[in-house]
Amino acid sequence: MENYVNYLVKWLQDRVNEANAKGLIVGISGGIDSAVVANLVKLAFPDNSLGLILPCYSSDEDVEHGLCVVKDCMLDYKIVDLDNVYDKLVHQISLEINETSSFQLAKANTKARLRMTTLYAIAQNYGYLVCGTDNACEWYTGYFTKYGDGGVDIAPLIQLTKTQVYELAHYFKINDEIINKPPSAGLIDNQTDEEEMQVSYQELEAYLNNEKVSENAKQRIDFLHNSSNHKRNGIAYPTKKVSEIK
């Protein structure tokens, strides 16, 4: 893992230099993925990196774990509480629509999008790039909010399965409480990744490694991947110009 850490650090430095940026910023959720990225960001830019803890009706535990991460890796950080902003925005939207059951998920995704907006506002102030935290399993299944936690400039963990993220977490000596808690997006109370995806990380990794999985798991993973193509492929646009249509 040391060789891969060195590769990622150099990769981050190269991407920032190519963009004529000055450093990196990352949102710290209190989970294992952002904890690993926080350590990578600090290694890549010791003097030009920042962690943002962005509580939006977050659990006290997540905030505490976020603080533990930034302090352990000595990453400069700021806390921006988004509770009131979220309340005002959701209230205003609610006045304009007839709410359906889908609005509950929309409200959860709004938290992620407010965090993205905050990250980019502060990143632009410092001339930093926004560093994402999605791993290979999340990327393949589309388990991220479009223009939320998926709205980033660079994503160093995309080639890493969840197991490999855990290996990096141990390499960085991340707090055991963070390593051992069930992975969660933290957008809905008592939410866990695996319950929401309806497939385990173990099955996802087996699938990505071309190993045998149950038919139910295969169908679920295929469904998640195919229905989330729009998240990975960018903005759809027509391929033909007016002059090309006869």
C-alpha atoms as a PDB file:
ATOM      1  CA  MET A   1       0.000   0.000   0.000  1.00  0.00           C
ATOM      2  CA  GLU A   2       2.912   2.378   0.571  1.00  0.00           C
ATOM      3  CA  ASN A   3       3.752   2.333  -3.138  1.00  0.00           C
ATOM      4  CA  TYR A   4       0.130   3.068  -4.037  1.00  0.00           C
ATOM      5  CA  VAL A   5      -0.021   5.911  -1.524  1.00  0.00           C
ATOM      6  CA  ASN A   6       3.073   7.415  -3.134  1.00  0.00           C
ATOM      7  CA  TYR A   7       1.463   7.017  -6.553  1.00  0.00           C
ATOM      8  CA  LEU A   8      -1.744   8.735  -5.404  1.00  0.00           C
ATOM      9  CA  VAL A   9       0.117  11.593  -3.766  1.00  0.00           C
ATOM     10  CA  LYS A  10       2.075  12.239  -6.955  1.00  0.00           C
ATOM     11  CA  TRP A  11      -1.110  11.903  -9.002  1.00  0.00           C
ATOM     12  CA  LEU A  12      -2.857  14.505  -6.855  1.00  0.00           C
ATOM     13  CA  GLN A  13       0.073  16.881  -7.125  1.00  0.00           C
ATOM     14  CA  ASP A  14       0.195  16.494 -10.901  1.00  0.00           C
ATOM     15  CA  ARG A  15      -3.547  17.143 -11.329  1.00  0.00           C
ATOM     16  CA  VAL A  16      -3.399  20.276  -9.199  1.00  0.00           C
ATOM     17  CA  ASN A  17      -0.371  21.582 -11.072  1.00  0.00           C
ATOM     18  CA  GLU A  18      -2.010  20.890 -14.436  1.00  0.00           C
ATOM     19  CA  ALA A  19      -5.015  22.951 -13.335  1.00  0.00           C
ATOM     20  CA  ASN A  20      -2.773  25.799 -12.151  1.00  0.00           C
ATOM     21  CA  ALA A  21      -4.421  25.423  -8.754  1.00  0.00           C
ATOM     22  CA  LYS A  22      -2.778  25.958  -5.394  1.00  0.00           C
ATOM     23  CA  GLY A  23      -3.936  22.997  -3.342  1.00  0.00           C
ATOM     24  CA  LEU A  24      -6.818  20.723  -2.353  1.00  0.00           C
ATOM     25  CA  ILE A  25      -9.989  20.842  -0.284  1.00  0.00           C
ATOM     26  CA  VAL A  26     -12.045  17.846   0.869  1.00  0.00           C
ATOM     27  CA  GLY A  27     -15.328  17.435   2.694  1.00  0.00           C
ATOM     28  CA  ILE A  28     -14.908  15.439   5.901  1.00  0.00           C
ATOM     29  CA  SER A  29     -17.952  13.294   6.684  1.00  0.00           C
ATOM     30  CA  GLY A  30     -16.615  11.295   9.609  1.00  0.00           C
ATOM     31  CA  GLY A  31     -16.557   8.154   7.477  1.00  0.00           C
ATOM     32  CA  ILE A  32     -13.684   5.984   6.343  1.00  0.00           C
ATOM     33  CA  ASP A  33     -13.473   7.208   2.731  1.00  0.00           C
ATOM     34  CA  SER A  34     -13.115  10.885   3.593  1.00  0.00           C
ATOM     35  CA  ALA A  35     -10.681   9.957   6.382  1.00  0.00           C
ATOM     36  CA  VAL A  36      -8.397   8.260   3.862  1.00  0.00           C
ATOM     37  CA  VAL A  37      -8.677  11.146   1.396  1.00  0.00           C
ATOM     38  CA  ALA A  38      -7.910  13.641   4.169  1.00  0.00           C
ATOM     39  CA  ASN A  39      -4.615  11.867   4.796  1.00  0.00           C
ATOM     40  CA  LEU A  40      -3.770  11.788   1.082  1.00  0.00           C
ATOM     41  CA  VAL A  41      -4.580  15.478   0.673  1.00  0.00           C
ATOM     42  CA  LYS A  42      -2.395  16.405   3.627  1.00  0.00           C
ATOM     43  CA  LEU A  43       0.517  14.382   2.232  1.00  0.00           C
ATOM     44  CA  ALA A  44       0.153  15.877  -1.230  1.00  0.00           C
ATOM     45  CA  PHE A  45      -0.128  19.497  -0.053  1.00  0.00           C
ATOM     46  CA  PRO A  46       1.052  19.848   3.551  1.00  0.00           C
ATOM     47  CA  ASP A  47       0.718  23.639   3.528  1.00  0.00           C
ATOM     48  CA  ASN A  48      -2.099  24.086   0.999  1.00  0.00           C
ATOM     49  CA  SER A  49      -4.883  21.736   1.986  1.00  0.00           C
ATOM     50  CA  LEU A  50      -8.139  22.106   3.885  1.00  0.00           C
ATOM     51  CA  GLY A  51     -10.817  19.880   5.317  1.00  0.00           C
ATOM     52  CA  LEU A  52     -14.399  21.088   5.621  1.00  0.00           C
ATOM     53  CA  ILE A  53     -16.727  19.586   8.198  1.00  0.00           C
ATOM     54  CA  LEU A  54     -20.223  20.419   6.966  1.00  0.00           C
ATOM     55  CA  PRO A  55     -22.903  19.317   9.432  1.00  0.00           C
ATOM     56  CA  CYS A  56     -26.403  19.368   7.961  1.00  0.00           C
ATOM     57  CA  TYR A  57     -28.505  17.686  10.600  1.00  0.00           C
ATOM     58  CA  SER A  58     -25.586  15.292  10.943  1.00  0.00           C
ATOM     59  CA  SER A  59     -25.141  12.981  13.897  1.00  0.00           C
ATOM     60  CA  ASP A  60     -22.923  14.162  16.736  1.00  0.00           C
ATOM     61  CA  GLU A  61     -20.831  11.045  16.184  1.00  0.00           C
ATOM     62  CA  ASP A  62     -20.088  11.965  12.562  1.00  0.00           C
ATOM     63  CA  VAL A  63     -18.955  15.452  13.558  1.00  0.00           C
ATOM     64  CA  GLU A  64     -16.792  14.056  16.355  1.00  0.00           C
ATOM     65  CA  HIS A  65     -15.225  11.538  13.987  1.00  0.00           C
ATOM     66  CA  GLY A  66     -14.611  14.275  11.426  1.00  0.00           C
ATOM     67  CA  LEU A  67     -12.772  16.317  14.041  1.00  0.00           C
ATOM     68  CA  CYS A  68     -10.788  13.239  15.034  1.00  0.00           C
ATOM     69  CA  VAL A  69      -9.682  12.744  11.411  1.00  0.00           C
ATOM     70  CA  VAL A  70      -8.477  16.289  10.768  1.00  0.00           C
ATOM     71  CA  LYS A  71      -6.692  16.497  14.107  1.00  0.00           C
ATOM     72  CA  ASP A  72      -4.978  13.122  13.746  1.00  0.00           C
ATOM     73  CA  CYS A  73      -3.579  13.956  10.299  1.00  0.00           C
ATOM     74  CA  MET A  74      -3.001  17.616  11.259  1.00  0.00           C
ATOM     75  CA  LEU A  75      -5.123  18.889   8.374  1.00  0.00           C
ATOM     76  CA  ASP A  76      -6.281  22.503   8.583  1.00  0.00           C
ATOM     77  CA  TYR A  77     -10.057  22.565   8.826  1.00  0.00           C
ATOM     78  CA  LYS A  78     -13.164  24.688   9.075  1.00  0.00           C
ATOM     79  CA  ILE A  79     -16.680  23.860  10.250  1.00  0.00           C
ATOM     80  CA  VAL A  80     -19.626  25.329   8.353  1.00  0.00           C
ATOM     81  CA  ASP A  81     -23.021  24.454   9.850  1.00  0.00           C
ATOM     82  CA  LEU A  82     -25.639  24.130   7.100  1.00  0.00           C
ATOM     83  CA  ASP A  83     -28.722  23.378   9.224  1.00  0.00           C
ATOM     84  CA  ASN A  84     -30.358  26.788   8.839  1.00  0.00           C
ATOM     85  CA  VAL A  85     -29.543  27.088   5.141  1.00  0.00           C
ATOM     86  CA  TYR A  86     -31.067  23.662   4.538  1.00  0.00           C
ATOM     87  CA  ASP A  87     -34.214  24.512   6.523  1.00  0.00           C
ATOM     88  CA  LYS A  88     -34.810  27.728   4.606  1.00  0.00           C
ATOM     89  CA  LEU A  89     -34.233  26.164   1.205  1.00  0.00           C
ATOM     90  CA  VAL A  90     -36.423  23.111   1.810  1.00  0.00           C
ATOM     91  CA  HIS A  91     -39.179  25.272   3.301  1.00  0.00           C
ATOM     92  CA  GLN A  92     -39.149  27.575   0.266  1.00  0.00           C
ATOM     93  CA  ILE A  93     -39.244  24.665  -2.168  1.00  0.00           C
ATOM     94  CA  SER A  94     -42.077  23.029  -0.204  1.00  0.00           C
ATOM     95  CA  LEU A  95     -44.213  26.150  -0.655  1.00  0.00           C
ATOM     96  CA  GLU A  96     -43.968  25.800  -4.434  1.00  0.00           C
ATOM     97  CA  ILE A  97     -44.698  22.111  -4.989  1.00  0.00           C
ATOM     98  CA  ASN A  98     -47.080  19.335  -4.105  1.00  0.00           C
ATOM     99  CA  GLU A  99     -44.749  16.990  -2.245  1.00  0.00           C
ATOM    100  CA  THR A 100     -44.560  13.342  -3.288  1.00  0.00           C
ATOM    101  CA  SER A 101     -42.769  10.452  -1.622  1.00  0.00           C
ATOM    102  CA  SER A 102     -39.772  11.166  -3.869  1.00  0.00           C
ATOM    103  CA  PHE A 103     -39.275  14.514  -2.166  1.00  0.00           C
ATOM    104  CA  GLN A 104     -37.895  12.757   0.922  1.00  0.00           C
ATOM    105  CA  LEU A 105     -34.970  11.462  -1.133  1.00  0.00           C
ATOM    106  CA  ALA A 106     -34.673  14.835  -2.839  1.00  0.00           C
ATOM    107  CA  LYS A 107     -34.325  16.491   0.571  1.00  0.00           C
ATOM    108  CA  ALA A 108     -31.556  14.057   1.511  1.00  0.00           C
ATOM    109  CA  ASN A 109     -29.723  14.796  -1.737  1.00  0.00           C
ATOM    110  CA  THR A 110     -30.147  18.517  -1.110  1.00  0.00           C
ATOM    111  CA  LYS A 111     -27.865  18.131   1.915  1.00  0.00           C
ATOM    112  CA  ALA A 112     -25.131  16.711  -0.322  1.00  0.00           C
ATOM    113  CA  ARG A 113     -25.630  19.482  -2.873  1.00  0.00           C
ATOM    114  CA  LEU A 114     -25.419  22.207  -0.238  1.00  0.00           C
ATOM    115  CA  ARG A 115     -22.132  20.684   0.890  1.00  0.00           C
ATOM    116  CA  MET A 116     -20.876  20.689  -2.703  1.00  0.00           C
ATOM    117  CA  THR A 117     -21.820  24.362  -3.100  1.00  0.00           C
ATOM    118  CA  THR A 118     -19.989  25.241   0.108  1.00  0.00           C
ATOM    119  CA  LEU A 119     -16.904  23.277  -0.882  1.00  0.00           C
ATOM    120  CA  TYR A 120     -16.674  25.025  -4.244  1.00  0.00           C
ATOM    121  CA  ALA A 121     -17.253  28.485  -2.787  1.00  0.00           C
ATOM    122  CA  ILE A 122     -14.382  28.057  -0.344  1.00  0.00           C
ATOM    123  CA  ALA A 123     -12.210  26.191  -2.870  1.00  0.00           C
ATOM    124  CA  GLN A 124     -12.503  29.069  -5.308  1.00  0.00           C
ATOM    125  CA  ASN A 125     -11.557  31.526  -2.579  1.00  0.00           C
ATOM    126  CA  TYR A 126      -8.271  29.694  -1.985  1.00  0.00           C
ATOM    127  CA  GLY A 127      -7.604  28.544  -5.543  1.00  0.00           C
ATOM    128  CA  TYR A 128      -7.979  24.876  -4.556  1.00  0.00           C
ATOM    129  CA  LEU A 129      -9.451  21.877  -6.371  1.00  0.00           C
ATOM    130  CA  VAL A 130     -12.244  19.895  -4.730  1.00  0.00           C
ATOM    131  CA  CYS A 131     -11.153  16.335  -3.947  1.00  0.00           C
ATOM    132  CA  GLY A 132     -13.825  13.609  -3.934  1.00  0.00           C
ATOM    133  CA  THR A 133     -14.119  10.530  -1.739  1.00  0.00           C
ATOM    134  CA  ASP A 134     -16.062   7.999  -3.848  1.00  0.00           C
ATOM    135  CA  ASN A 135     -14.557   4.521  -4.148  1.00  0.00           C
ATOM    136  CA  ALA A 136     -14.839   1.931  -6.941  1.00  0.00           C
ATOM    137  CA  CYS A 137     -17.973   0.285  -5.524  1.00  0.00           C
ATOM    138  CA  GLU A 138     -19.808   3.599  -5.139  1.00  0.00           C
ATOM    139  CA  TRP A 139     -18.707   4.774  -8.570  1.00  0.00           C
ATOM    140  CA  TYR A 140     -19.841   1.607 -10.361  1.00  0.00           C
ATOM    141  CA  THR A 141     -23.257   1.534  -8.700  1.00  0.00           C
ATOM    142  CA  GLY A 142     -23.800   5.289  -8.829  1.00  0.00           C
ATOM    143  CA  TYR A 143     -24.102   5.385  -5.052  1.00  0.00           C
ATOM    144  CA  PHE A 144     -23.446   9.097  -4.805  1.00  0.00           C
ATOM    145  CA  THR A 145     -25.478  12.270  -5.264  1.00  0.00           C
ATOM    146  CA  LYS A 146     -25.225  13.783  -8.724  1.00  0.00           C
ATOM    147  CA  TYR A 147     -23.799  17.301  -8.277  1.00  0.00           C
ATOM    148  CA  GLY A 148     -23.481  16.491  -4.579  1.00  0.00           C
ATOM    149  CA  ASP A 149     -20.663  14.277  -3.325  1.00  0.00           C
ATOM    150  CA  GLY A 150     -20.269  13.345  -7.002  1.00  0.00           C
ATOM    151  CA  GLY A 151     -19.596  16.993  -7.840  1.00  0.00           C
ATOM    152  CA  VAL A 152     -15.814  17.135  -7.527  1.00  0.00           C
ATOM    153  CA  ASP A 153     -12.698  17.936  -9.552  1.00  0.00           C
ATOM    154  CA  ILE A 154     -10.652  14.826  -8.816  1.00  0.00           C
ATOM    155  CA  ALA A 155     -11.446  11.462  -7.224  1.00  0.00           C
ATOM    156  CA  PRO A 156      -8.386   9.528  -6.004  1.00  0.00           C
ATOM    157  CA  LEU A 157     -10.231   6.465  -4.642  1.00  0.00           C
ATOM    158  CA  ILE A 158     -12.087   5.501  -7.836  1.00  0.00           C
ATOM    159  CA  GLN A 159      -9.816   2.489  -8.479  1.00  0.00           C
ATOM    160  CA  LEU A 160     -10.056   1.208  -4.890  1.00  0.00           C
ATOM    161  CA  THR A 161     -12.607  -1.289  -3.634  1.00  0.00           C
ATOM    162  CA  LYS A 162     -14.002  -0.858  -0.137  1.00  0.00           C
ATOM    163  CA  THR A 163     -11.621  -3.521   1.179  1.00  0.00           C
ATOM    164  CA  GLN A 164      -8.669  -1.613  -0.238  1.00  0.00           C
ATOM    165  CA  VAL A 165      -9.971   1.595   1.340  1.00  0.00           C
ATOM    166  CA  TYR A 166      -9.941  -0.249   4.671  1.00  0.00           C
ATOM    167  CA  GLU A 167      -6.356  -1.331   3.994  1.00  0.00           C
ATOM    168  CA  LEU A 168      -5.387   2.289   3.428  1.00  0.00           C
ATOM    169  CA  ALA A 169      -7.232   3.291   6.588  1.00  0.00           C
ATOM    170  CA  HIS A 170      -5.117   0.854   8.585  1.00  0.00           C
ATOM    171  CA  TYR A 171      -1.997   2.112   6.813  1.00  0.00           C
ATOM    172  CA  PHE A 172      -2.832   5.650   7.940  1.00  0.00           C
ATOM    173  CA  LYS A 173      -3.713   4.397  11.448  1.00  0.00           C
ATOM    174  CA  ILE A 174      -7.174   5.918  11.310  1.00  0.00           C
ATOM    175  CA  ASN A 175      -9.185   5.674  14.524  1.00  0.00           C
ATOM    176  CA  ASP A 176     -10.741   2.224  15.021  1.00  0.00           C
ATOM    177  CA  GLU A 177     -14.167   3.715  15.771  1.00  0.00           C
ATOM    178  CA  ILE A 178     -14.232   5.191  12.265  1.00  0.00           C
ATOM    179  CA  ILE A 179     -12.956   2.008  10.644  1.00  0.00           C
ATOM    180  CA  ASN A 180     -15.435  -0.218  12.469  1.00  0.00           C
ATOM    181  CA  LYS A 181     -18.678   1.741  12.120  1.00  0.00           C
ATOM    182  CA  PRO A 182     -21.104   0.697   9.342  1.00  0.00           C
ATOM    183  CA  PRO A 183     -20.558   2.757   6.157  1.00  0.00           C
ATOM    184  CA  SER A 184     -23.282   5.371   5.728  1.00  0.00           C
ATOM    185  CA  ALA A 185     -23.940   8.376   3.499  1.00  0.00           C
ATOM    186  CA  GLY A 186     -25.178  10.163   6.625  1.00  0.00           C
ATOM    187  CA  LEU A 187     -28.078  11.833   4.797  1.00  0.00           C
ATOM    188  CA  ILE A 188     -30.914   9.920   6.501  1.00  0.00           C
ATOM    189  CA  ASP A 189     -31.115   8.828  10.139  1.00  0.00           C
ATOM    190  CA  ASN A 190     -29.961   5.247  10.757  1.00  0.00           C
ATOM    191  CA  GLN A 191     -29.092   4.835   7.085  1.00  0.00           C
ATOM    192  CA  THR A 192     -26.390   2.394   5.978  1.00  0.00           C
ATOM    193  CA  ASP A 193     -24.885   2.004   2.516  1.00  0.00           C
ATOM    194  CA  GLU A 194     -25.584  -1.696   2.203  1.00  0.00           C
ATOM    195  CA  GLU A 195     -29.225  -1.439   3.304  1.00  0.00           C
ATOM    196  CA  GLU A 196     -29.883   1.342   0.837  1.00  0.00           C
ATOM    197  CA  MET A 197     -28.071  -0.316  -2.064  1.00  0.00           C
ATOM    198  CA  GLN A 198     -29.645  -3.681  -1.171  1.00  0.00           C
ATOM    199  CA  VAL A 199     -26.351  -5.414  -1.848  1.00  0.00           C
ATOM    200  CA  SER A 200     -23.289  -5.922   0.341  1.00  0.00           C
ATOM    201  CA  TYR A 201     -19.848  -4.500  -0.330  1.00  0.00           C
ATOM    202  CA  GLN A 202     -18.554  -8.077  -0.281  1.00  0.00           C
ATOM    203  CA  GLU A 203     -20.869  -9.004  -3.150  1.00  0.00           C
ATOM    204  CA  LEU A 204     -20.012  -5.794  -5.004  1.00  0.00           C
ATOM    205  CA  GLU A 205     -16.297  -6.478  -4.781  1.00  0.00           C
ATOM    206  CA  ALA A 206     -16.742 -10.063  -5.909  1.00  0.00           C
ATOM    207  CA  TYR A 207     -18.725  -8.828  -8.908  1.00  0.00           C
ATOM    208  CA  LEU A 208     -16.113  -6.188  -9.801  1.00  0.00           C
ATOM    209  CA  ASN A 209     -13.404  -8.855  -9.532  1.00  0.00           C
ATOM    210  CA  ASN A 210     -15.333 -11.123 -11.957  1.00  0.00           C
ATOM    211  CA  GLU A 211     -16.034 -13.620  -9.207  1.00  0.00           C
ATOM    212  CA  LYS A 212     -19.275 -15.542  -8.835  1.00  0.00           C
ATOM    213  CA  VAL A 213     -22.132 -13.843  -6.971  1.00  0.00           C
ATOM    214  CA  SER A 214     -25.762 -14.811  -6.446  1.00  0.00           C
ATOM    215  CA  GLU A 215     -28.186 -14.104  -9.268  1.00  0.00           C
ATOM    216  CA  ASN A 216     -30.078 -11.660  -7.037  1.00  0.00           C
ATOM    217  CA  ALA A 217     -26.890  -9.732  -6.312  1.00  0.00           C
ATOM    218  CA  LYS A 218     -25.933  -9.680  -9.997  1.00  0.00           C
ATOM    219  CA  GLN A 219     -29.338  -8.367 -11.039  1.00  0.00           C
ATOM    220  CA  ARG A 220     -29.278  -5.682  -8.356  1.00  0.00           C
ATOM    221  CA  ILE A 221     -25.749  -4.515  -9.242  1.00  0.00           C
ATOM    222  CA  ASP A 222     -26.579  -4.458 -12.957  1.00  0.00           C
ATOM    223  CA  PHE A 223     -29.696  -2.423 -12.229  1.00  0.00           C
ATOM    224  CA  LEU A 224     -27.786   0.092 -10.078  1.00  0.00           C
ATOM    225  CA  HIS A 225     -25.041   0.436 -12.675  1.00  0.00           C
ATOM    226  CA  ASN A 226     -27.312   0.819 -15.691  1.00  0.00           C
ATOM    227  CA  SER A 227     -29.713   3.242 -14.036  1.00  0.00           C
ATOM    228  CA  SER A 228     -26.842   5.466 -12.888  1.00  0.00           C
ATOM    229  CA  ASN A 229     -24.965   5.764 -16.186  1.00  0.00           C
ATOM    230  CA  HIS A 230     -26.042   9.392 -16.445  1.00  0.00           C
ATOM    231  CA  LYS A 231     -24.085  10.151 -13.257  1.00  0.00           C
ATOM    232  CA  ARG A 232     -20.801   8.923 -14.719  1.00  0.00           C
ATOM    233  CA  ASN A 233     -21.155  10.034 -18.324  1.00  0.00           C
ATOM    234  CA  GLY A 234     -21.588  13.763 -17.885  1.00  0.00           C
ATOM    235  CA  ILE A 235     -24.148  15.950 -19.611  1.00  0.00           C
ATOM    236  CA  ALA A 236     -25.998  14.321 -22.513  1.00  0.00           C
ATOM    237  CA  TYR A 237     -26.147  16.366 -25.680  1.00  0.00           C
ATOM    238  CA  PRO A 238     -27.104  15.804 -29.350  1.00  0.00           C
ATOM    239  CA  THR A 239     -24.238  14.598 -31.506  1.00  0.00           C
ATOM    240  CA  LYS A 240     -25.431  16.171 -34.757  1.00  0.00           C
ATOM    241  CA  LYS A 241     -25.456  19.810 -35.857  1.00  0.00           C
ATOM    242  CA  VAL A 242     -28.279  21.425 -37.811  1.00  0.00           C
ATOM    243  CA  SER A 243     -26.234  21.188 -41.008  1.00  0.00           C
ATOM    244  CA  GLU A 244     -25.913  17.421 -40.576  1.00  0.00           C
ATOM    245  CA  ILE A 245     -29.660  16.780 -40.595  1.00  0.00           C
ATOM    246  CA  LYS A 246     -31.198  16.261 -44.035  1.00  0.00           C
END
